[in-house]
Protein backbone atom coordinates (compact mmCIF):
# COMPACT_ATOMS: atom_id res chain seq x y z
CA MET A 1 135.72 -13.03 -51.28
CA ARG A 2 136.15 -11.67 -47.54
CA ARG A 3 133.01 -10.72 -45.60
CA THR A 4 132.19 -7.54 -44.46
CA ASP A 5 132.99 -6.51 -40.63
CA PRO A 6 132.03 -9.20 -38.51
CA GLU A 7 130.68 -6.73 -35.61
CA ASP A 8 128.97 -4.32 -37.16
CA HIS A 9 128.60 -5.58 -41.07
CA GLY A 10 130.35 -1.97 -41.71
CA PRO A 11 131.55 -0.80 -44.97
CA VAL A 12 132.07 -3.34 -47.89
CA ARG A 13 135.32 -3.52 -48.73
CA PHE A 14 135.72 -6.64 -50.89
CA GLY A 15 133.33 -7.25 -53.64
CA PRO A 16 132.69 -10.36 -55.47
CA PRO A 17 134.38 -11.00 -59.11
CA LEU A 18 132.45 -11.11 -62.14
CA PRO A 19 130.48 -14.27 -62.56
CA ASP A 20 132.63 -16.98 -64.16
CA ASP A 21 131.48 -19.12 -66.83
CA GLY A 22 132.08 -22.69 -65.17
CA LEU A 23 133.33 -23.95 -68.68
CA PRO A 24 136.81 -24.88 -70.17
CA VAL A 25 139.05 -22.35 -72.32
CA LEU A 26 137.99 -22.24 -75.85
CA PRO A 27 140.84 -24.49 -77.49
CA GLU A 28 141.28 -21.83 -80.27
CA LEU A 29 141.78 -19.26 -77.42
CA ALA A 30 144.14 -21.54 -75.57
CA ALA A 31 146.41 -21.86 -78.57
CA VAL A 32 146.54 -18.21 -79.39
CA LEU A 33 147.78 -17.77 -75.84
CA ALA A 34 150.19 -20.40 -76.20
CA ALA A 35 151.70 -19.51 -79.19
CA ALA A 36 152.45 -16.18 -77.84
CA ALA A 37 153.66 -17.38 -74.54
CA GLY A 38 157.23 -16.58 -75.78
CA ARG A 39 156.45 -13.19 -76.40
CA ALA A 40 158.87 -10.62 -74.41
CA GLU A 41 157.91 -7.28 -75.51
CA SER A 42 155.57 -4.97 -73.65
CA GLU A 43 152.16 -4.29 -74.94
CA PRO A 44 151.98 -0.23 -75.08
CA VAL A 45 149.90 1.58 -72.47
CA GLY A 46 146.44 2.15 -73.94
CA GLY A 47 146.87 -0.90 -76.60
CA GLY A 48 148.52 -1.72 -79.47
CA ALA A 49 147.56 -1.26 -82.98
CA ALA A 50 146.06 -4.86 -83.62
CA LEU A 51 144.14 -4.98 -80.37
CA LEU A 52 142.69 -1.58 -80.91
CA GLU A 53 141.85 -2.19 -84.82
CA ALA A 54 140.10 -5.26 -83.27
CA ALA A 55 138.32 -3.52 -80.85
CA CYS A 56 136.96 -0.95 -83.56
CA GLY A 57 135.95 -3.91 -85.93
CA TYR A 58 133.87 -5.33 -82.78
CA TRP A 59 132.02 -1.90 -82.32
CA ASP A 60 131.55 -1.29 -86.16
CA ARG A 61 129.27 -4.71 -86.21
CA ARG A 62 127.41 -3.02 -83.38
CA GLY A 63 126.51 0.02 -85.07
CA LEU A 64 129.13 1.82 -83.07
CA PRO A 65 131.71 3.54 -85.77
CA ALA A 66 134.99 3.62 -83.86
CA GLU A 67 138.39 4.77 -84.85
CA PRO A 68 141.98 3.28 -83.05
CA GLY A 69 142.55 6.97 -81.78
CA ARG A 70 139.41 7.22 -80.02
CA ALA A 71 140.06 3.70 -78.26
CA VAL A 72 142.09 2.05 -75.34
CA ALA A 73 142.47 -1.38 -73.95
CA ALA A 74 143.51 -1.94 -70.07
CA PRO A 75 143.89 -4.83 -68.12
CA GLY A 76 140.32 -5.33 -66.82
CA ALA A 77 137.53 -2.52 -66.89
CA PRO A 78 138.27 -1.59 -63.33
CA ALA A 79 141.49 0.16 -64.92
CA LEU A 80 139.34 1.88 -67.22
CA LEU A 81 136.90 2.93 -64.82
CA LEU A 82 139.55 4.44 -62.56
CA ALA A 83 140.93 6.29 -65.24
CA LEU A 84 137.98 7.83 -66.41
CA THR A 85 136.94 8.49 -62.80
CA ALA A 86 140.05 10.31 -62.20
CA ALA A 87 140.00 12.17 -65.88
CA LEU A 88 136.39 13.70 -65.50
CA GLY A 89 136.74 14.84 -61.98
CA GLY A 90 133.44 15.67 -59.96
CA ASP A 91 131.31 13.22 -58.03
CA VAL A 92 129.88 10.07 -59.59
CA LEU A 93 126.36 8.58 -59.80
CA VAL A 94 125.18 4.90 -60.30
CA PRO A 95 122.06 3.04 -60.04
CA ARG A 96 121.02 1.14 -56.80
CA PRO A 97 122.08 -2.10 -57.16
CA CYS A 98 125.00 -1.47 -59.32
CA ALA A 99 127.89 -3.69 -60.38
CA ALA A 100 130.04 -4.36 -57.44
CA TRP A 101 133.62 -2.77 -58.95
CA TRP A 102 132.07 0.50 -59.80
CA ALA A 103 131.86 2.25 -56.65
CA PRO A 104 135.08 1.62 -55.12
CA TYR A 105 137.43 3.09 -57.80
CA ALA A 106 135.51 6.56 -57.08
CA ARG A 107 135.90 6.42 -53.42
CA LEU A 108 139.85 5.39 -54.07
CA LEU A 109 139.89 8.73 -55.43
CA GLY A 110 138.23 10.40 -52.66
CA ARG A 111 135.09 11.14 -55.22
CA PRO A 112 131.45 10.87 -53.29
CA VAL A 113 129.45 8.27 -55.06
CA PHE A 114 125.56 8.65 -54.95
CA HIS A 115 123.42 5.61 -55.70
CA VAL A 116 120.04 6.41 -57.60
CA ALA A 117 117.01 4.14 -57.57
CA THR A 118 116.22 2.25 -60.69
CA PRO A 119 112.99 2.04 -62.17
CA ALA A 120 110.68 -1.33 -61.66
CA GLU A 121 111.04 -2.78 -64.97
CA CYS A 122 114.84 -3.20 -64.94
CA GLY A 123 118.11 -2.44 -63.13
CA GLY A 124 121.41 -0.92 -64.61
CA VAL A 125 119.77 2.52 -65.38
CA PRO A 126 118.54 5.32 -62.87
CA ASP A 127 115.01 6.01 -63.07
CA PRO A 128 115.17 9.61 -64.32
CA TYR A 129 113.13 11.57 -61.93
CA ALA A 130 115.14 9.93 -59.08
CA LEU A 131 118.29 10.83 -61.01
CA LEU A 132 117.08 14.66 -61.51
CA GLU A 133 116.06 14.77 -57.98
CA THR A 134 119.58 13.18 -56.65
CA VAL A 135 121.75 15.66 -59.12
CA ARG A 136 119.57 18.83 -57.87
CA ARG A 137 119.84 17.47 -54.11
CA VAL A 138 123.86 16.82 -54.56
CA ARG A 139 124.21 20.29 -55.93
CA ALA A 140 122.12 21.73 -53.52
CA GLU A 141 124.39 20.42 -50.70
CA GLY A 142 127.43 21.75 -52.95
CA GLY A 143 128.23 18.91 -54.58
CA ASP A 144 129.64 18.58 -58.19
CA PRO A 145 127.84 15.71 -60.23
CA ARG A 146 129.72 15.07 -63.42
CA LEU A 147 129.67 11.36 -64.35
CA LEU A 148 126.81 8.67 -64.59
CA VAL A 149 127.94 4.85 -64.99
CA LEU A 150 125.23 2.83 -66.30
CA SER A 151 124.56 -0.42 -68.06
CA VAL A 152 121.70 -1.67 -70.10
CA ALA A 153 122.82 -5.18 -69.66
CA ASP A 154 123.41 -5.22 -66.22
CA ASP A 155 125.07 -6.97 -63.35
CA PRO A 156 123.67 -7.67 -60.87
CA THR A 157 120.13 -7.86 -61.94
CA ALA A 158 120.49 -9.37 -64.91
CA THR A 159 118.07 -7.17 -66.79
CA VAL A 160 118.08 -5.40 -69.98
CA ALA A 161 117.01 -2.10 -69.99
CA PRO A 162 113.78 -1.13 -72.58
CA PRO A 163 114.86 1.49 -75.09
CA GLU A 164 111.98 3.87 -73.75
CA ALA A 165 113.25 3.80 -70.18
CA LEU A 166 116.91 4.22 -71.07
CA HIS A 167 115.98 7.33 -73.70
CA GLU A 168 114.38 8.72 -70.57
CA THR A 169 117.20 8.54 -68.32
CA LEU A 170 119.39 9.84 -71.12
CA GLU A 171 117.59 12.83 -71.43
CA ALA A 172 117.73 13.76 -67.72
CA ALA A 173 121.35 13.36 -67.73
CA THR A 174 121.70 15.39 -70.80
CA ASP A 175 119.67 18.10 -68.83
CA GLU A 176 122.21 17.92 -66.06
CA GLY A 177 125.40 17.88 -68.07
CA LEU A 178 126.47 14.63 -67.25
CA HIS A 179 128.98 12.43 -68.88
CA LEU A 180 127.91 8.75 -69.18
CA VAL A 181 130.10 5.73 -68.90
CA SER A 182 128.06 2.96 -70.51
CA ASP A 183 129.27 -0.54 -68.98
CA GLU A 184 128.51 -2.91 -71.91
CA THR A 185 130.48 -5.84 -70.42
CA TRP A 186 127.52 -8.25 -70.79
CA ARG A 187 125.91 -7.11 -73.84
CA ASP A 188 126.85 -10.25 -75.93
CA THR A 189 124.82 -12.40 -73.35
CA VAL A 190 121.22 -11.76 -74.10
CA HIS A 191 119.55 -14.40 -73.41
CA ALA A 192 116.76 -14.19 -76.11
CA PRO A 193 118.83 -11.53 -78.75
CA HIS A 194 115.86 -12.05 -81.18
CA ASP A 195 113.28 -11.05 -78.65
CA THR A 196 115.00 -8.41 -76.61
CA VAL A 197 116.03 -5.09 -78.18
CA LEU A 198 119.46 -3.78 -76.71
CA LEU A 199 120.40 -0.48 -77.65
CA SER A 200 123.85 1.26 -76.43
CA PRO A 201 123.53 4.80 -74.92
CA ALA A 202 126.33 5.52 -77.55
CA GLU A 203 123.66 5.20 -80.39
CA MET A 204 121.51 7.65 -78.47
CA LEU A 205 124.19 10.14 -77.20
CA PRO A 206 127.00 9.70 -79.49
CA ASP A 207 128.93 12.79 -78.14
CA GLN A 208 128.34 12.15 -74.60
CA VAL A 209 128.89 8.39 -73.88
CA THR A 210 132.29 6.73 -73.29
CA VAL A 211 131.59 2.60 -73.89
CA VAL A 212 133.59 0.35 -71.49
CA THR A 213 133.59 -3.32 -72.09
CA ASP A 214 135.33 -6.09 -70.12
CA LEU A 215 135.98 -8.98 -72.23
CA SER A 216 135.39 -11.48 -69.34
CA GLY A 217 131.91 -10.97 -69.99
CA ALA A 218 131.65 -13.33 -73.20
CA HIS A 219 134.96 -13.33 -74.94
CA LEU A 220 137.96 -14.28 -72.58
CA PRO A 221 138.25 -16.36 -69.26
CA PRO A 222 138.30 -14.23 -66.27
CA GLY A 223 141.84 -15.39 -65.67
CA TRP A 224 143.15 -13.19 -69.00
CA PRO A 225 142.29 -9.72 -67.77
CA ALA A 226 141.56 -7.30 -70.52
CA ALA A 227 139.40 -4.42 -71.42
CA VAL A 228 138.61 -1.89 -74.04
CA ALA A 229 137.01 1.50 -73.94
CA ARG A 230 135.55 3.63 -76.97
CA PHE A 231 135.16 7.34 -76.45
CA PRO A 232 132.90 9.68 -78.23
CA ALA A 233 133.93 11.99 -81.21
CA GLY A 234 135.05 15.32 -81.03
CA GLU A 235 137.18 17.74 -78.78
CA LEU A 236 135.47 16.22 -75.47
CA GLY A 237 136.18 12.85 -76.56
CA ASP A 238 139.94 13.53 -77.62
CA SER A 239 140.81 15.66 -74.24
CA LEU A 240 138.98 12.45 -72.23
CA HIS A 241 141.04 10.01 -74.52
CA ALA A 242 144.36 11.88 -73.77
CA ARG A 243 143.62 11.99 -70.03
CA VAL A 244 142.69 8.51 -69.25
CA LEU A 245 146.00 7.50 -71.50
CA ASP A 246 147.82 9.45 -68.67
CA VAL A 247 146.43 7.90 -65.86
CA LEU A 248 147.12 4.34 -67.49
CA THR A 249 150.49 5.54 -68.06
CA ALA A 250 151.24 6.32 -64.49
CA LEU A 251 149.41 3.02 -63.15
CA GLY A 252 151.50 1.02 -65.80
CA ALA A 253 148.53 -0.53 -66.67
CA ARG A 254 149.41 -2.71 -69.98
CA VAL A 255 147.45 -5.68 -71.18
CA ALA A 256 149.82 -8.67 -70.87
CA GLY A 257 151.22 -9.37 -74.49
CA PRO A 258 149.84 -12.81 -74.85
CA VAL A 259 146.48 -12.00 -73.42
CA ALA A 260 146.37 -8.66 -75.94
CA LEU A 261 146.90 -11.26 -78.90
CA ALA A 262 144.17 -13.47 -77.47
CA ALA A 263 141.78 -10.60 -77.10
CA GLY A 264 142.36 -9.27 -80.53
CA TYR A 265 141.48 -13.09 -81.81
CA ALA A 266 138.30 -12.91 -79.69
CA LEU A 267 137.29 -9.41 -80.86
CA ALA A 268 137.48 -10.34 -84.33
CA GLU A 269 134.90 -12.67 -83.62
CA PRO A 270 135.82 -15.98 -85.91
CA GLU A 271 133.50 -18.66 -86.05
CA PRO A 272 134.74 -20.50 -83.06
CA VAL A 273 134.63 -17.79 -80.81
CA THR A 274 130.99 -16.92 -82.16
CA ALA A 275 129.74 -20.44 -81.71
CA ARG A 276 131.20 -21.04 -78.22
CA ILE A 277 129.43 -17.65 -77.09
CA THR A 278 126.00 -18.76 -78.66
CA ALA A 279 126.41 -22.06 -76.86
CA ALA A 280 127.49 -20.56 -73.62
CA VAL A 281 124.67 -17.92 -73.55
CA ARG A 282 121.93 -20.59 -74.42
CA LEU A 283 123.47 -22.91 -71.64
CA HIS A 284 123.45 -20.06 -68.90
CA ALA A 285 120.05 -18.76 -70.13
CA ARG A 286 118.69 -22.43 -69.61
CA VAL A 287 120.53 -22.52 -65.73
CA ALA A 288 119.49 -19.16 -65.05
CA GLY A 289 115.86 -19.86 -65.75
CA ALA A 290 116.15 -23.04 -63.57
CA ILE A 291 117.11 -20.89 -60.89
CA HIS A 292 114.67 -18.14 -61.23
CA ALA A 293 112.00 -20.85 -60.80
CA ALA A 294 113.39 -22.33 -57.79
CA ALA A 295 113.33 -18.92 -56.32
CA VAL A 296 110.04 -17.91 -57.57
CA GLY A 297 108.43 -20.95 -56.50
CA ALA A 298 109.48 -20.61 -53.09
CA GLY A 299 108.01 -17.50 -52.71
CA ALA A 300 111.26 -15.36 -53.48
CA VAL A 301 110.97 -12.48 -55.77
CA ALA A 302 113.09 -11.95 -58.78
CA ARG A 303 112.92 -10.43 -62.43
CA PRO A 304 113.37 -13.17 -65.04
CA PRO A 305 117.03 -12.93 -66.06
CA GLN A 306 117.57 -11.67 -69.58
CA ALA A 307 121.28 -11.70 -69.67
CA GLY A 308 124.82 -12.66 -68.31
CA ARG A 309 125.27 -15.56 -66.03
CA HIS A 310 123.29 -14.45 -62.62
CA LEU A 311 120.35 -13.25 -61.27
CA TYR A 312 119.25 -11.12 -58.18
CA VAL A 313 116.84 -12.65 -55.84
CA ASP A 314 115.13 -10.32 -53.29
CA LEU A 315 114.02 -13.06 -50.17
CA GLY A 316 112.22 -10.41 -48.41
CA PRO A 317 108.85 -12.39 -48.37
CA LEU A 318 110.81 -14.98 -46.50
CA ARG A 319 112.11 -13.01 -43.75
CA ALA A 320 109.99 -14.74 -41.24
CA GLY A 321 111.47 -17.88 -41.80
CA LEU A 322 115.31 -16.67 -41.96
CA SER A 323 114.61 -14.59 -39.10
CA ALA A 324 114.36 -18.28 -37.02
CA HIS A 325 118.15 -18.83 -38.43
CA ASP A 326 119.35 -15.62 -37.08
CA VAL A 327 119.24 -13.87 -40.77
CA GLY A 328 118.59 -10.27 -40.38
CA ASP A 329 120.05 -8.44 -43.10
CA ALA A 330 122.48 -8.86 -46.50
CA GLN A 331 125.32 -10.05 -44.68
CA ASP A 332 124.11 -12.80 -43.04
CA LEU A 333 121.89 -14.02 -45.72
CA GLU A 334 125.22 -14.07 -47.85
CA ASP A 335 126.81 -16.39 -45.12
CA PHE A 336 123.63 -18.49 -44.64
CA LEU A 337 123.03 -19.30 -48.35
CA ALA A 338 126.50 -19.74 -48.79
CA ALA A 339 126.90 -22.61 -46.49
CA ARG A 340 123.61 -24.11 -47.41
CA LEU A 341 124.01 -23.69 -51.34
CA GLY A 342 127.98 -24.56 -50.99
CA LEU A 343 127.77 -21.44 -53.48
CA PRO A 344 128.94 -18.19 -53.68
CA ALA A 345 125.65 -15.64 -52.77
CA PRO A 346 127.25 -12.44 -52.50
CA GLY A 347 124.44 -10.09 -50.52
CA GLY A 348 123.03 -7.11 -52.06
CA HIS A 349 125.01 -4.55 -50.07
CA ARG A 350 128.15 -5.80 -52.02
CA PHE A 351 126.18 -4.00 -55.14
CA GLY A 352 125.02 -0.94 -53.35
CA ASP A 353 121.85 -2.02 -52.16
CA ASP A 354 120.55 -1.84 -48.79
CA LEU A 355 122.12 -3.92 -46.23
CA GLY A 356 118.59 -4.53 -44.38
CA ALA A 357 117.17 -5.68 -47.77
CA LEU A 358 117.69 -9.44 -47.95
CA ARG A 359 118.91 -9.77 -51.61
CA VAL A 360 121.53 -11.67 -53.37
CA ARG A 361 122.88 -12.35 -56.61
CA LEU A 362 123.07 -15.93 -57.43
CA SER A 363 125.56 -17.42 -60.49
CA THR A 364 125.21 -19.87 -62.91
CA GLY A 365 128.56 -20.82 -63.61
CA PRO A 366 129.29 -22.83 -60.11
CA LEU A 367 126.16 -25.16 -60.98
CA LEU A 368 128.34 -26.43 -63.72
CA ALA A 369 131.23 -27.42 -61.38
CA GLY A 370 132.60 -30.81 -62.70
CA GLY A 371 135.62 -31.75 -64.64
CA ASP A 372 136.59 -30.49 -67.88
CA GLU A 373 134.61 -32.99 -69.80
CA GLU A 374 131.54 -32.91 -67.62
CA ARG A 375 131.35 -28.85 -68.21
CA ALA A 376 132.15 -29.31 -71.93
CA GLU A 377 129.34 -31.94 -72.17
CA CYS A 378 127.07 -28.94 -70.79
CA LEU A 379 127.90 -27.22 -74.13
CA THR A 380 126.80 -29.89 -76.45
CA SER A 381 124.20 -31.84 -74.69
CA PRO A 382 120.43 -31.09 -75.91
CA SER A 383 119.32 -31.09 -72.34
CA PRO A 384 122.08 -29.81 -70.03
CA LEU A 385 119.87 -29.47 -67.30
CA GLU A 386 119.36 -33.34 -66.91
CA LEU A 387 123.17 -34.10 -66.95
CA PRO A 388 123.68 -35.76 -63.67
CA HIS A 389 126.11 -33.06 -61.98
CA VAL A 390 123.96 -30.28 -62.81
CA GLN A 391 120.91 -31.91 -62.09
CA ARG A 392 122.28 -32.82 -58.45
CA ALA A 393 123.07 -29.08 -58.18
CA LEU A 394 119.59 -27.95 -59.10
CA ILE A 395 117.71 -30.31 -56.78
CA HIS A 396 119.90 -29.14 -53.93
CA LEU A 397 119.40 -25.28 -54.81
CA LYS A 398 115.51 -26.07 -55.07
CA SER A 399 115.35 -28.05 -52.09
CA VAL A 400 117.10 -25.18 -50.23
CA PHE A 401 114.73 -22.93 -51.49
CA ASP A 402 111.79 -25.14 -50.34
CA ASP A 403 112.93 -25.13 -47.03
CA LEU A 404 113.26 -21.54 -46.48
CA ARG A 405 109.84 -21.15 -48.06
CA ASP A 406 108.42 -24.06 -45.42
CA ASP A 407 110.32 -22.02 -42.86
CA ALA A 408 108.63 -18.88 -43.71
CA GLN A 409 105.47 -20.35 -43.42
CA ARG A 410 105.88 -22.38 -40.30
CA TRP A 411 107.23 -18.81 -38.37
CA GLU A 412 104.63 -16.20 -40.24
CA PRO A 413 102.52 -14.82 -37.52
CA PRO A 414 98.84 -15.83 -37.89
CA ARG A 415 96.32 -13.15 -39.36
């Protein structure tokens, strides 16, 4: 990941990738890909019949009925969001902070992007009153807001939006005539699925929401790019589906043939895939909880992680100590923590947050680093945090945060 401009910390042009799971590839998935390595024919633009059928089955099992004629596949969610933004036109609204890959594709098309504050209890969805105010201000200034991108299970904040907060936001979006894109990449990585209610916006507004899922969230390794989109029924959905296919055709955005077969296998959710997802979610939840405890114990602020392989940490309370290390903004903090931790620590500015705010996204995957045997052992161990390589990583992380706490106390001005 390249840093922002070293002189003035100007516009972010290079965002961090989706957090890796730090685990070996599932053997059954690897076998499907290997068996398809000799496949010479190209996957059609938008995905072949088998892949789209598998995607529809995946959505059906989650209460989102779908038909292959209302679905497309692409080599990663960014290609889908680019196509959707081009097809819908107008200005784009996103929560602050948001996934690092959302805004660049609108800017690439010359579309203005407006960040909207989120409610106190979660990220991923805009506060409804802030959304209404932003839409009305943009229109008063001659803008044309048409698209709202949101995520119920969020990157970067690792929170899950409560149904009541989501409902209020969707009401506001409906009142303003916005089309919604729901990024559901992380919906299958909820840490406590029996205690967390996750509703898709498409369940609440079936005629106004397009669902996008990048399979690197739970089903495929990040190096095998594949994503699927589900369009609403009716004339709007049909028209949008056709325009998105036009854009994907112009881009030549096809899922690689062997990857398409692996994606279809994963979306069908056979037992090896569901067992791996369950084990991986349980593991990353434990590691995320340990990172959260270390950060909060040192005086930083972070919402408890509820989904995904990451969490979002605000080190503003430790600013006094960080200033002694010449850390004044999110880019400085990114550089400082990456060097101290030996791990990626992308600053909040990469997610549309204020450059001056001392916020970072920390990922769980790098803490599992080791050989394939060590990483595989993390999945089967009843106490993965006590495995030597994981324990060493967590002890080091905690010591870095404890040092920051001590620095902050040392440099805090007397009251």
